[in-house]
Every structure is written in structure tokens, then in C-alpha cells.
């Protein structure tokens, strides 16, 4: 097998891996085990229903702050 044939085979494998179907994100309903809490676990702010439905337990402000702190220390 030539190097070009092998490269095409690898490219095809990568394309198939990148383009395989992915499972739909989970959307929880009130009362489900994965449904998020009514208040943020960090600051006790009210959690929006959309974030609760995806199972998040922190508000957008707390998540943003945590990501910024993480990026600061990653450097």
C-alpha cells in the first residue's frame, strides 16, 4: 500500500469519525432525577427553567466566573 493510499484511508476514517451521528442532548422535565435545582448552588440566585431542564446546577454568572478563573490559572 502506498503512502498516498494510506493517507486517504486515514482521512476517510477521520471523516467518518467526525461525521457520525451524535445523540440528542438530554432535556429533563420537572420531577425528573436530572432536573436542576431551583436555586444556584453557589450564589442562591434563581435558576432559569432552561438551565434546570439541561441539568445545570449553577447560574450563568457563576459558570462564567468559574471559567474565567480557570483560564487565568491555566496560563
Protein backbone atom coordinates (compact mmCIF):
# COMPACT_ATOMS: atom_id res chain seq x y z
CA UNK A 1 0.00 0.00 0.00
CA UNK A 2 1.46 3.33 -1.00
CA UNK A 3 1.75 6.29 1.36
CA UNK A 4 -0.94 8.14 -0.63
CA UNK A 5 -3.39 5.24 -0.28
CA UNK A 6 -2.71 5.05 3.46
CA UNK A 7 -3.22 8.83 3.81
CA UNK A 8 -6.56 8.60 2.01
CA UNK A 9 -7.60 5.71 4.25
CA UNK A 10 -6.72 7.72 7.38
CA UNK A 11 -8.56 10.76 6.04
CA UNK A 12 -11.67 8.64 5.38
CA UNK A 13 -11.54 7.20 8.92
CA UNK A 14 -11.28 10.71 10.39
CA UNK A 15 -14.15 11.95 8.22
CA UNK A 16 -16.35 9.03 9.32
CA UNK A 17 -15.48 9.63 12.98
CA UNK A 18 -16.18 13.37 12.76
CA UNK A 19 -19.45 12.94 10.87
CA UNK A 20 -21.07 10.08 12.78
CA UNK A 21 -24.43 10.86 14.31
CA UNK A 22 -24.42 12.16 17.84
CA UNK A 23 -27.06 11.55 20.47
CA UNK A 24 -29.53 14.36 21.08
CA UNK A 25 -28.89 16.40 24.22
CA UNK A 26 -30.88 15.31 27.25
CA UNK A 27 -33.75 17.61 28.23
CA UNK A 28 -35.13 16.87 31.68
CA UNK A 29 -38.68 17.63 32.77
CA UNK A 30 -39.68 18.92 36.23
CA UNK A 31 -39.72 15.97 38.58
CA UNK A 32 -37.03 14.01 36.71
CA UNK A 33 -33.94 12.97 38.66
CA UNK A 34 -31.61 15.08 36.49
CA UNK A 35 -33.68 18.29 36.61
CA UNK A 36 -31.62 21.14 38.08
CA UNK A 37 -32.22 22.84 41.43
CA UNK A 38 -34.46 25.90 41.85
CA UNK A 39 -31.51 27.99 43.11
CA UNK A 40 -27.86 28.18 42.07
CA UNK A 41 -25.71 26.04 44.37
CA UNK A 42 -23.05 28.80 44.53
CA UNK A 43 -24.94 32.07 44.96
CA UNK A 44 -28.57 31.05 45.67
CA UNK A 45 -29.83 33.03 42.65
CA UNK A 46 -32.94 31.71 40.94
CA UNK A 47 -32.12 29.24 38.19
CA UNK A 48 -33.85 29.73 34.81
CA UNK A 49 -36.04 26.84 33.68
CA UNK A 50 -33.92 26.33 30.55
CA UNK A 51 -30.76 25.71 32.60
CA UNK A 52 -32.63 23.49 35.03
CA UNK A 53 -34.00 21.48 32.10
CA UNK A 54 -30.47 20.68 30.96
CA UNK A 55 -29.46 19.59 34.44
CA UNK A 56 -27.18 22.51 35.32
CA UNK A 57 -26.77 23.37 38.98
CA UNK A 58 -25.03 26.77 38.70
CA UNK A 59 -26.27 30.00 37.12
CA UNK A 60 -24.68 31.62 34.07
CA UNK A 61 -22.85 34.24 36.15
CA UNK A 62 -21.23 31.63 38.42
CA UNK A 63 -20.30 29.39 35.47
CA UNK A 64 -18.75 32.32 33.60
CA UNK A 65 -16.77 33.35 36.66
CA UNK A 66 -15.50 29.79 37.17
CA UNK A 67 -14.43 29.55 33.52
CA UNK A 68 -12.59 32.88 33.71
CA UNK A 69 -10.79 31.84 36.89
CA UNK A 70 -9.86 28.54 35.25
CA UNK A 71 -8.43 30.30 32.20
CA UNK A 72 -6.49 32.69 34.43
CA UNK A 73 -4.75 29.83 36.22
CA UNK A 74 -4.22 27.79 33.05
CA UNK A 75 -1.66 30.23 31.72
